[in-house]
Full PDB file with SEQRES, HELIX, SHEET, SSBOND, CRYST1, ORIGX, SCALE, CONECT and MASTER records, all heavy atoms in Angstrom:
SEQRES   1 A   39  ALA ASP VAL ALA HIS THR PRO GLU ALA PRO GLY ALA PRO          
SEQRES   2 A   39  ALA GLU ILE ALA ALA TYR VAL ASP TRP ALA ALA THR VAL          
SEQRES   3 A   39  ALA GLN ARG GLU ARG LEU ASP ARG LEU GLY PHE GLY ILE          
HELIX    1 AA1 PRO A   13  ALA A   17  1                                   5    
HELIX    2 AA2 TRP A   22  ARG A   34  1                                  13    
CRYST1    1.000    1.000    1.000  90.00  90.00  90.00 P 1           1          
ORIGX1      1.000000  0.000000  0.000000        0.00000                         
ORIGX2      0.000000  1.000000  0.000000        0.00000                         
ORIGX3      0.000000  0.000000  1.000000        0.00000                         
SCALE1      1.000000  0.000000  0.000000        0.00000                         
SCALE2      0.000000  1.000000  0.000000        0.00000                         
SCALE3      0.000000  0.000000  1.000000        0.00000                         
ATOM      1  N   ALA A   1       5.096   5.575  -9.601  1.00  0.00           N  
ATOM      2  CA  ALA A   1       6.411   5.334 -10.217  1.00  0.00           C  
ATOM      3  C   ALA A   1       7.065   6.626 -10.682  1.00  0.00           C  
ATOM      4  O   ALA A   1       8.290   6.684 -10.852  1.00  0.00           O  
ATOM      5  CB  ALA A   1       6.262   4.376 -11.391  1.00  0.00           C  
ATOM      6  N   ASP A   2       6.267   7.662 -10.885  1.00  0.00           N  
ATOM      7  CA  ASP A   2       6.812   8.943 -11.347  1.00  0.00           C  
ATOM      8  C   ASP A   2       7.277   9.836 -10.201  1.00  0.00           C  
ATOM      9  O   ASP A   2       7.809  10.918 -10.436  1.00  0.00           O  
ATOM     10  CB  ASP A   2       5.752   9.694 -12.164  1.00  0.00           C  
ATOM     11  CG  ASP A   2       5.296   8.903 -13.379  1.00  0.00           C  
ATOM     12  OD1 ASP A   2       6.148   8.190 -13.954  1.00  0.00           O  
ATOM     13  OD2 ASP A   2       4.101   8.971 -13.720  1.00  0.00           O  
ATOM     14  N   VAL A   3       7.070   9.386  -8.946  1.00  0.00           N  
ATOM     15  CA  VAL A   3       7.464  10.176  -7.775  1.00  0.00           C  
ATOM     16  C   VAL A   3       8.889   9.803  -7.379  1.00  0.00           C  
ATOM     17  O   VAL A   3       9.246   8.622  -7.367  1.00  0.00           O  
ATOM     18  CB  VAL A   3       6.497   9.931  -6.602  1.00  0.00           C  
ATOM     19  CG1 VAL A   3       6.919  10.730  -5.373  1.00  0.00           C  
ATOM     20  CG2 VAL A   3       5.075  10.299  -7.014  1.00  0.00           C  
ATOM     21  N   ALA A   4       9.685  10.781  -7.053  1.00  0.00           N  
ATOM     22  CA  ALA A   4      11.117  10.552  -6.794  1.00  0.00           C  
ATOM     23  C   ALA A   4      11.385  10.066  -5.384  1.00  0.00           C  
ATOM     24  O   ALA A   4      12.273  10.563  -4.680  1.00  0.00           O  
ATOM     25  CB  ALA A   4      11.886  11.839  -7.058  1.00  0.00           C  
ATOM     26  N   HIS A   5      10.620   9.067  -4.926  1.00  0.00           N  
ATOM     27  CA  HIS A   5      10.863   8.467  -3.621  1.00  0.00           C  
ATOM     28  C   HIS A   5      11.727   7.222  -3.788  1.00  0.00           C  
ATOM     29  O   HIS A   5      11.605   6.509  -4.786  1.00  0.00           O  
ATOM     30  CB  HIS A   5       9.548   8.076  -2.946  1.00  0.00           C  
ATOM     31  CG  HIS A   5       8.727   9.233  -2.478  1.00  0.00           C  
ATOM     32  ND1 HIS A   5       7.474   9.085  -1.930  1.00  0.00           N  
ATOM     33  CD2 HIS A   5       8.979  10.568  -2.471  1.00  0.00           C  
ATOM     34  CE1 HIS A   5       6.990  10.271  -1.600  1.00  0.00           C  
ATOM     35  NE2 HIS A   5       7.884  11.184  -1.930  1.00  0.00           N  
ATOM     36  N   THR A   6      12.563   6.947  -2.820  1.00  0.00           N  
ATOM     37  CA  THR A   6      13.379   5.736  -2.799  1.00  0.00           C  
ATOM     38  C   THR A   6      13.300   5.134  -1.400  1.00  0.00           C  
ATOM     39  O   THR A   6      12.886   5.810  -0.456  1.00  0.00           O  
ATOM     40  CB  THR A   6      14.854   6.048  -3.117  1.00  0.00           C  
ATOM     41  OG1 THR A   6      15.402   6.830  -2.041  1.00  0.00           O  
ATOM     42  CG2 THR A   6      14.986   6.808  -4.424  1.00  0.00           C  
ATOM     43  N   PRO A   7      13.694   3.870  -1.232  1.00  0.00           N  
ATOM     44  CA  PRO A   7      13.714   3.303   0.124  1.00  0.00           C  
ATOM     45  C   PRO A   7      14.582   4.116   1.088  1.00  0.00           C  
ATOM     46  O   PRO A   7      14.290   4.191   2.278  1.00  0.00           O  
ATOM     47  CB  PRO A   7      14.282   1.898  -0.102  1.00  0.00           C  
ATOM     48  CG  PRO A   7      13.882   1.564  -1.503  1.00  0.00           C  
ATOM     49  CD  PRO A   7      14.003   2.857  -2.258  1.00  0.00           C  
ATOM     50  N   GLU A   8      15.643   4.722   0.554  1.00  0.00           N  
ATOM     51  CA  GLU A   8      16.518   5.527   1.402  1.00  0.00           C  
ATOM     52  C   GLU A   8      15.932   6.901   1.692  1.00  0.00           C  
ATOM     53  O   GLU A   8      16.226   7.503   2.720  1.00  0.00           O  
ATOM     54  CB  GLU A   8      17.887   5.689   0.736  1.00  0.00           C  
ATOM     55  CG  GLU A   8      18.688   4.403   0.586  1.00  0.00           C  
ATOM     56  CD  GLU A   8      18.146   3.489  -0.500  1.00  0.00           C  
ATOM     57  OE1 GLU A   8      17.528   4.010  -1.469  1.00  0.00           O  
ATOM     58  OE2 GLU A   8      18.298   2.259  -0.370  1.00  0.00           O  
ATOM     59  N   ALA A   9      15.108   7.422   0.802  1.00  0.00           N  
ATOM     60  CA  ALA A   9      14.471   8.726   0.970  1.00  0.00           C  
ATOM     61  C   ALA A   9      13.003   8.590   0.576  1.00  0.00           C  
ATOM     62  O   ALA A   9      12.590   9.026  -0.502  1.00  0.00           O  
ATOM     63  CB  ALA A   9      15.168   9.772   0.113  1.00  0.00           C  
ATOM     64  N   PRO A  10      12.188   7.956   1.453  1.00  0.00           N  
ATOM     65  CA  PRO A  10      10.832   7.594   1.055  1.00  0.00           C  
ATOM     66  C   PRO A  10       9.835   8.745   1.018  1.00  0.00           C  
ATOM     67  O   PRO A  10       8.726   8.565   0.528  1.00  0.00           O  
ATOM     68  CB  PRO A  10      10.429   6.581   2.128  1.00  0.00           C  
ATOM     69  CG  PRO A  10      11.241   6.962   3.319  1.00  0.00           C  
ATOM     70  CD  PRO A  10      12.548   7.460   2.782  1.00  0.00           C  
ATOM     71  N   GLY A  11      10.201   9.892   1.511  1.00  0.00           N  
ATOM     72  CA  GLY A  11       9.243  10.985   1.532  1.00  0.00           C  
ATOM     73  C   GLY A  11       8.372  10.932   2.773  1.00  0.00           C  
ATOM     74  O   GLY A  11       8.354   9.942   3.508  1.00  0.00           O  
ATOM     75  N   ALA A  12       7.624  12.006   3.012  1.00  0.00           N  
ATOM     76  CA  ALA A  12       6.767  12.092   4.189  1.00  0.00           C  
ATOM     77  C   ALA A  12       5.581  11.141   4.056  1.00  0.00           C  
ATOM     78  O   ALA A  12       5.106  10.885   2.947  1.00  0.00           O  
ATOM     79  CB  ALA A  12       6.275  13.519   4.361  1.00  0.00           C  
ATOM     80  N   PRO A  13       5.074  10.626   5.186  1.00  0.00           N  
ATOM     81  CA  PRO A  13       3.933   9.711   5.124  1.00  0.00           C  
ATOM     82  C   PRO A  13       2.735  10.280   4.369  1.00  0.00           C  
ATOM     83  O   PRO A  13       2.081   9.560   3.609  1.00  0.00           O  
ATOM     84  CB  PRO A  13       3.602   9.477   6.600  1.00  0.00           C  
ATOM     85  CG  PRO A  13       4.914   9.626   7.299  1.00  0.00           C  
ATOM     86  CD  PRO A  13       5.623  10.724   6.554  1.00  0.00           C  
ATOM     87  N   ALA A  14       2.456  11.560   4.534  1.00  0.00           N  
ATOM     88  CA  ALA A  14       1.305  12.150   3.839  1.00  0.00           C  
ATOM     89  C   ALA A  14       1.513  12.158   2.331  1.00  0.00           C  
ATOM     90  O   ALA A  14       0.559  11.995   1.560  1.00  0.00           O  
ATOM     91  CB  ALA A  14       1.066  13.561   4.343  1.00  0.00           C  
ATOM     92  N   GLU A  15       2.764  12.332   1.890  1.00  0.00           N  
ATOM     93  CA  GLU A  15       3.061  12.295   0.448  1.00  0.00           C  
ATOM     94  C   GLU A  15       2.839  10.893  -0.099  1.00  0.00           C  
ATOM     95  O   GLU A  15       2.297  10.720  -1.194  1.00  0.00           O  
ATOM     96  CB  GLU A  15       4.511  12.726   0.213  1.00  0.00           C  
ATOM     97  CG  GLU A  15       4.798  14.172   0.580  1.00  0.00           C  
ATOM     98  CD  GLU A  15       6.279  14.494   0.462  1.00  0.00           C  
ATOM     99  OE1 GLU A  15       7.119  13.639   0.820  1.00  0.00           O  
ATOM    100  OE2 GLU A  15       6.595  15.607   0.015  1.00  0.00           O  
ATOM    101  N   ILE A  16       3.253   9.895   0.655  1.00  0.00           N  
ATOM    102  CA  ILE A  16       3.058   8.513   0.227  1.00  0.00           C  
ATOM    103  C   ILE A  16       1.572   8.172   0.215  1.00  0.00           C  
ATOM    104  O   ILE A  16       1.069   7.538  -0.711  1.00  0.00           O  
ATOM    105  CB  ILE A  16       3.832   7.554   1.158  1.00  0.00           C  
ATOM    106  CG1 ILE A  16       5.338   7.858   1.096  1.00  0.00           C  
ATOM    107  CG2 ILE A  16       3.562   6.103   0.778  1.00  0.00           C  
ATOM    108  CD1 ILE A  16       6.147   7.113   2.127  1.00  0.00           C  
ATOM    109  N   ALA A  17       0.859   8.608   1.252  1.00  0.00           N  
ATOM    110  CA  ALA A  17      -0.560   8.275   1.387  1.00  0.00           C  
ATOM    111  C   ALA A  17      -1.376   8.722   0.190  1.00  0.00           C  
ATOM    112  O   ALA A  17      -2.363   8.067  -0.184  1.00  0.00           O  
ATOM    113  CB  ALA A  17      -1.113   8.898   2.666  1.00  0.00           C  
ATOM    114  N   ALA A  18      -0.968   9.816  -0.425  1.00  0.00           N  
ATOM    115  CA  ALA A  18      -1.728  10.351  -1.559  1.00  0.00           C  
ATOM    116  C   ALA A  18      -1.722   9.408  -2.759  1.00  0.00           C  
ATOM    117  O   ALA A  18      -2.567   9.539  -3.657  1.00  0.00           O  
ATOM    118  CB  ALA A  18      -1.148  11.701  -1.966  1.00  0.00           C  
ATOM    119  N   TYR A  19      -0.800   8.447  -2.790  1.00  0.00           N  
ATOM    120  CA  TYR A  19      -0.666   7.554  -3.930  1.00  0.00           C  
ATOM    121  C   TYR A  19      -1.063   6.111  -3.620  1.00  0.00           C  
ATOM    122  O   TYR A  19      -0.864   5.222  -4.449  1.00  0.00           O  
ATOM    123  CB  TYR A  19       0.777   7.576  -4.438  1.00  0.00           C  
ATOM    124  CG  TYR A  19       1.146   8.874  -5.121  1.00  0.00           C  
ATOM    125  CD1 TYR A  19       1.679   9.931  -4.381  1.00  0.00           C  
ATOM    126  CD2 TYR A  19       0.938   9.055  -6.486  1.00  0.00           C  
ATOM    127  CE1 TYR A  19       2.011  11.134  -4.997  1.00  0.00           C  
ATOM    128  CE2 TYR A  19       1.270  10.251  -7.098  1.00  0.00           C  
ATOM    129  CZ  TYR A  19       1.800  11.283  -6.356  1.00  0.00           C  
ATOM    130  OH  TYR A  19       2.122  12.471  -6.970  1.00  0.00           O  
ATOM    131  N   VAL A  20      -1.616   5.853  -2.449  1.00  0.00           N  
ATOM    132  CA  VAL A  20      -2.035   4.491  -2.119  1.00  0.00           C  
ATOM    133  C   VAL A  20      -3.274   4.111  -2.926  1.00  0.00           C  
ATOM    134  O   VAL A  20      -4.229   4.880  -3.009  1.00  0.00           O  
ATOM    135  CB  VAL A  20      -2.324   4.358  -0.615  1.00  0.00           C  
ATOM    136  CG1 VAL A  20      -2.916   2.979  -0.304  1.00  0.00           C  
ATOM    137  CG2 VAL A  20      -1.050   4.564   0.196  1.00  0.00           C  
ATOM    138  N   ASP A  21      -3.248   2.938  -3.524  1.00  0.00           N  
ATOM    139  CA  ASP A  21      -4.422   2.379  -4.194  1.00  0.00           C  
ATOM    140  C   ASP A  21      -5.213   1.624  -3.123  1.00  0.00           C  
ATOM    141  O   ASP A  21      -4.947   0.452  -2.826  1.00  0.00           O  
ATOM    142  CB  ASP A  21      -3.973   1.441  -5.319  1.00  0.00           C  
ATOM    143  CG  ASP A  21      -5.139   0.890  -6.128  1.00  0.00           C  
ATOM    144  OD1 ASP A  21      -6.250   0.799  -5.576  1.00  0.00           O  
ATOM    145  OD2 ASP A  21      -4.923   0.541  -7.304  1.00  0.00           O  
ATOM    146  N   TRP A  22      -6.190   2.306  -2.555  1.00  0.00           N  
ATOM    147  CA  TRP A  22      -6.885   1.723  -1.407  1.00  0.00           C  
ATOM    148  C   TRP A  22      -7.735   0.523  -1.794  1.00  0.00           C  
ATOM    149  O   TRP A  22      -7.827  -0.450  -1.031  1.00  0.00           O  
ATOM    150  CB  TRP A  22      -7.720   2.786  -0.701  1.00  0.00           C  
ATOM    151  CG  TRP A  22      -6.844   3.723   0.078  1.00  0.00           C  
ATOM    152  CD1 TRP A  22      -6.494   4.999  -0.246  1.00  0.00           C  
ATOM    153  CD2 TRP A  22      -6.158   3.405   1.302  1.00  0.00           C  
ATOM    154  NE1 TRP A  22      -5.627   5.509   0.706  1.00  0.00           N  
ATOM    155  CE2 TRP A  22      -5.411   4.556   1.655  1.00  0.00           C  
ATOM    156  CE3 TRP A  22      -6.097   2.292   2.111  1.00  0.00           C  
ATOM    157  CZ2 TRP A  22      -4.620   4.609   2.798  1.00  0.00           C  
ATOM    158  CZ3 TRP A  22      -5.308   2.332   3.255  1.00  0.00           C  
ATOM    159  CH2 TRP A  22      -4.587   3.483   3.588  1.00  0.00           C  
ATOM    160  N   ALA A  23      -8.351   0.561  -2.947  1.00  0.00           N  
ATOM    161  CA  ALA A  23      -9.177  -0.580  -3.372  1.00  0.00           C  
ATOM    162  C   ALA A  23      -8.329  -1.840  -3.509  1.00  0.00           C  
ATOM    163  O   ALA A  23      -8.707  -2.926  -3.055  1.00  0.00           O  
ATOM    164  CB  ALA A  23      -9.885  -0.261  -4.683  1.00  0.00           C  
ATOM    165  N   ALA A  24      -7.156  -1.712  -4.142  1.00  0.00           N  
ATOM    166  CA  ALA A  24      -6.274  -2.874  -4.318  1.00  0.00           C  
ATOM    167  C   ALA A  24      -5.670  -3.319  -2.992  1.00  0.00           C  
ATOM    168  O   ALA A  24      -5.460  -4.516  -2.760  1.00  0.00           O  
ATOM    169  CB  ALA A  24      -5.174  -2.531  -5.314  1.00  0.00           C  
ATOM    170  N   THR A  25      -5.375  -2.368  -2.125  1.00  0.00           N  
ATOM    171  CA  THR A  25      -4.804  -2.689  -0.816  1.00  0.00           C  
ATOM    172  C   THR A  25      -5.793  -3.495   0.015  1.00  0.00           C  
ATOM    173  O   THR A  25      -5.431  -4.501   0.637  1.00  0.00           O  
ATOM    174  CB  THR A  25      -4.408  -1.398  -0.086  1.00  0.00           C  
ATOM    175  OG1 THR A  25      -3.343  -0.760  -0.814  1.00  0.00           O  
ATOM    176  CG2 THR A  25      -3.930  -1.676   1.322  1.00  0.00           C  
ATOM    177  N   VAL A  26      -7.042  -3.073   0.029  1.00  0.00           N  
ATOM    178  CA  VAL A  26      -8.065  -3.811   0.779  1.00  0.00           C  
ATOM    179  C   VAL A  26      -8.331  -5.166   0.125  1.00  0.00           C  
ATOM    180  O   VAL A  26      -8.500  -6.180   0.820  1.00  0.00           O  
ATOM    181  CB  VAL A  26      -9.358  -2.978   0.876  1.00  0.00           C  
ATOM    182  CG1 VAL A  26     -10.484  -3.806   1.499  1.00  0.00           C  
ATOM    183  CG2 VAL A  26      -9.114  -1.714   1.683  1.00  0.00           C  
ATOM    184  N   ALA A  27      -8.345  -5.218  -1.204  1.00  0.00           N  
ATOM    185  CA  ALA A  27      -8.586  -6.483  -1.903  1.00  0.00           C  
ATOM    186  C   ALA A  27      -7.532  -7.522  -1.555  1.00  0.00           C  
ATOM    187  O   ALA A  27      -7.824  -8.731  -1.474  1.00  0.00           O  
ATOM    188  CB  ALA A  27      -8.622  -6.246  -3.409  1.00  0.00           C  
ATOM    189  N   GLN A  28      -6.301  -7.065  -1.361  1.00  0.00           N  
ATOM    190  CA  GLN A  28      -5.221  -7.980  -0.981  1.00  0.00           C  
ATOM    191  C   GLN A  28      -5.536  -8.643   0.363  1.00  0.00           C  
ATOM    192  O   GLN A  28      -5.339  -9.851   0.546  1.00  0.00           O  
ATOM    193  CB  GLN A  28      -3.921  -7.177  -0.889  1.00  0.00           C  
ATOM    194  CG  GLN A  28      -2.663  -8.000  -0.675  1.00  0.00           C  
ATOM    195  CD  GLN A  28      -1.460  -7.088  -0.571  1.00  0.00           C  
ATOM    196  OE1 GLN A  28      -1.414  -6.200   0.272  1.00  0.00           O  
ATOM    197  NE2 GLN A  28      -0.485  -7.285  -1.443  1.00  0.00           N  
ATOM    198  N   ARG A  29      -6.050  -7.856   1.304  1.00  0.00           N  
ATOM    199  CA  ARG A  29      -6.389  -8.406   2.613  1.00  0.00           C  
ATOM    200  C   ARG A  29      -7.602  -9.339   2.523  1.00  0.00           C  
ATOM    201  O   ARG A  29      -7.648 -10.375   3.200  1.00  0.00           O  
ATOM    202  CB  ARG A  29      -6.654  -7.260   3.579  1.00  0.00           C  
ATOM    203  CG  ARG A  29      -5.361  -6.594   4.047  1.00  0.00           C  
ATOM    204  CD  ARG A  29      -5.497  -5.088   4.182  1.00  0.00           C  
ATOM    205  NE  ARG A  29      -4.228  -4.501   4.635  1.00  0.00           N  
ATOM    206  CZ  ARG A  29      -3.180  -4.288   3.839  1.00  0.00           C  
ATOM    207  NH1 ARG A  29      -3.239  -4.606   2.547  1.00  0.00           N  
ATOM    208  NH2 ARG A  29      -2.066  -3.767   4.318  1.00  0.00           N  
ATOM    209  N   GLU A  30      -8.568  -8.966   1.689  1.00  0.00           N  
ATOM    210  CA  GLU A  30      -9.748  -9.810   1.536  1.00  0.00           C  
ATOM    211  C   GLU A  30      -9.384 -11.152   0.912  1.00  0.00           C  
ATOM    212  O   GLU A  30      -9.947 -12.191   1.288  1.00  0.00           O  
ATOM    213  CB  GLU A  30     -10.793  -9.073   0.695  1.00  0.00           C  
ATOM    214  CG  GLU A  30     -11.394  -7.865   1.413  1.00  0.00           C  
ATOM    215  CD  GLU A  30     -12.293  -7.031   0.529  1.00  0.00           C  
ATOM    216  OE1 GLU A  30     -12.102  -7.065  -0.713  1.00  0.00           O  
ATOM    217  OE2 GLU A  30     -13.176  -6.337   1.063  1.00  0.00           O  
ATOM    218  N   ARG A  31      -8.443 -11.143  -0.016  1.00  0.00           N  
ATOM    219  CA  ARG A  31      -8.003 -12.399  -0.630  1.00  0.00           C  
ATOM    220  C   ARG A  31      -7.347 -13.304   0.419  1.00  0.00           C  
ATOM    221  O   ARG A  31      -7.625 -14.503   0.490  1.00  0.00           O  
ATOM    222  CB  ARG A  31      -7.015 -12.123  -1.764  1.00  0.00           C  
ATOM    223  CG  ARG A  31      -6.437 -13.397  -2.386  1.00  0.00           C  
ATOM    224  CD  ARG A  31      -5.496 -13.084  -3.551  1.00  0.00           C  
ATOM    225  NE  ARG A  31      -4.959 -14.316  -4.110  1.00  0.00           N  
ATOM    226  CZ  ARG A  31      -3.854 -14.924  -3.677  1.00  0.00           C  
ATOM    227  NH1 ARG A  31      -3.168 -14.406  -2.680  1.00  0.00           N  
ATOM    228  NH2 ARG A  31      -3.433 -16.038  -4.243  1.00  0.00           N  
ATOM    229  N   LEU A  32      -6.461 -12.741   1.249  1.00  0.00           N  
ATOM    230  CA  LEU A  32      -5.820 -13.525   2.299  1.00  0.00           C  
ATOM    231  C   LEU A  32      -6.852 -14.063   3.280  1.00  0.00           C  
ATOM    232  O   LEU A  32      -6.761 -15.204   3.743  1.00  0.00           O  
ATOM    233  CB  LEU A  32      -4.781 -12.669   3.031  1.00  0.00           C  
ATOM    234  CG  LEU A  32      -3.520 -12.342   2.225  1.00  0.00           C  
ATOM    235  CD1 LEU A  32      -2.690 -11.283   2.935  1.00  0.00           C  
ATOM    236  CD2 LEU A  32      -2.693 -13.592   1.980  1.00  0.00           C  
ATOM    237  N   ASP A  33      -7.848 -13.244   3.596  1.00  0.00           N  
ATOM    238  CA  ASP A  33      -8.903 -13.670   4.501  1.00  0.00           C  
ATOM    239  C   ASP A  33      -9.658 -14.870   3.929  1.00  0.00           C  
ATOM    240  O   ASP A  33      -9.954 -15.829   4.639  1.00  0.00           O  
ATOM    241  CB  ASP A  33      -9.857 -12.496   4.752  1.00  0.00           C  
ATOM    242  CG  ASP A  33     -10.940 -12.834   5.753  1.00  0.00           C  
ATOM    243  OD1 ASP A  33     -10.608 -13.118   6.922  1.00  0.00           O  
ATOM    244  OD2 ASP A  33     -12.122 -12.820   5.364  1.00  0.00           O  
ATOM    245  N   ARG A  34      -9.949 -14.831   2.616  1.00  0.00           N  
ATOM    246  CA  ARG A  34     -10.650 -15.957   1.981  1.00  0.00           C  
ATOM    247  C   ARG A  34      -9.823 -17.234   2.028  1.00  0.00           C  
ATOM    248  O   ARG A  34     -10.362 -18.340   2.038  1.00  0.00           O  
ATOM    249  CB  ARG A  34     -10.995 -15.613   0.521  1.00  0.00           C  
ATOM    250  CG  ARG A  34     -12.108 -14.581   0.374  1.00  0.00           C  
ATOM    251  CD  ARG A  34     -12.627 -14.521  -1.054  1.00  0.00           C  
ATOM    252  NE  ARG A  34     -11.594 -14.135  -2.012  1.00  0.00           N  
ATOM    253  CZ  ARG A  34     -11.307 -12.887  -2.346  1.00  0.00           C  
ATOM    254  NH1 ARG A  34     -11.949 -11.871  -1.772  1.00  0.00           N  
ATOM    255  NH2 ARG A  34     -10.365 -12.625  -3.248  1.00  0.00           N  
ATOM    256  N   LEU A  35      -8.513 -17.105   2.043  1.00  0.00           N  
ATOM    257  CA  LEU A  35      -7.623 -18.264   2.105  1.00  0.00           C  
ATOM    258  C   LEU A  35      -7.450 -18.782   3.535  1.00  0.00           C  
ATOM    259  O   LEU A  35      -6.738 -19.753   3.759  1.00  0.00           O  
ATOM    260  CB  LEU A  35      -6.254 -17.909   1.514  1.00  0.00           C  
ATOM    261  CG  LEU A  35      -6.243 -17.643   0.008  1.00  0.00           C  
ATOM    262  CD1 LEU A  35      -4.890 -17.105  -0.434  1.00  0.00           C  
ATOM    263  CD2 LEU A  35      -6.588 -18.901  -0.765  1.00  0.00           C  
ATOM    264  N   GLY A  36      -8.068 -18.091   4.510  1.00  0.00           N  
ATOM    265  CA  GLY A  36      -8.032 -18.570   5.882  1.00  0.00           C  
ATOM    266  C   GLY A  36      -7.023 -17.887   6.780  1.00  0.00           C  
ATOM    267  O   GLY A  36      -6.850 -18.279   7.929  1.00  0.00           O  
ATOM    268  N   PHE A  37      -6.358 -16.859   6.271  1.00  0.00           N  
ATOM    269  CA  PHE A  37      -5.365 -16.149   7.079  1.00  0.00           C  
ATOM    270  C   PHE A  37      -5.998 -15.011   7.866  1.00  0.00           C  
ATOM    271  O   PHE A  37      -6.880 -14.313   7.367  1.00  0.00           O  
ATOM    272  CB  PHE A  37      -4.277 -15.529   6.181  1.00  0.00           C  
ATOM    273  CG  PHE A  37      -3.367 -16.519   5.537  1.00  0.00           C  
ATOM    274  CD1 PHE A  37      -3.603 -16.951   4.242  1.00  0.00           C  
ATOM    275  CD2 PHE A  37      -2.273 -17.030   6.212  1.00  0.00           C  
ATOM    276  CE1 PHE A  37      -2.761 -17.869   3.626  1.00  0.00           C  
ATOM    277  CE2 PHE A  37      -1.433 -17.941   5.615  1.00  0.00           C  
ATOM    278  CZ  PHE A  37      -1.670 -18.364   4.317  1.00  0.00           C  
ATOM    279  N   GLY A  38      -5.512 -14.804   9.091  1.00  0.00           N  
ATOM    280  CA  GLY A  38      -5.763 -13.546   9.773  1.00  0.00           C  
ATOM    281  C   GLY A  38      -4.776 -12.519   9.247  1.00  0.00           C  
ATOM    282  O   GLY A  38      -3.746 -12.858   8.656  1.00  0.00           O  
ATOM    283  N   ILE A  39      -5.062 -11.241   9.461  1.00  0.00           N  
ATOM    284  CA  ILE A  39      -4.226 -10.167   8.932  1.00  0.00           C  
ATOM    285  C   ILE A  39      -3.417  -9.522  10.057  1.00  0.00           C  
ATOM    286  O   ILE A  39      -3.968  -9.174  11.101  1.00  0.00           O  
ATOM    287  CB  ILE A  39      -5.091  -9.093   8.231  1.00  0.00           C  
ATOM    288  CG1 ILE A  39      -5.895  -9.710   7.083  1.00  0.00           C  
ATOM    289  CG2 ILE A  39      -4.228  -7.939   7.736  1.00  0.00           C  
ATOM    290  CD1 ILE A  39      -5.057 -10.315   5.982  1.00  0.00           C  
TER     291      ILE A  39                                                      
MASTER        0    0    0    2    0    0    0    6  290    1    0    3          
END                                                                             
């Protein structure tokens, strides 16, 4: 939230990647999988 990216100026992919919460991102997919969805 402290990074000055916007949908219109999202920044480079590597800059965004540095702030991904990988544990939460994977957990989101695991939750959908438990509900019977493919990803």
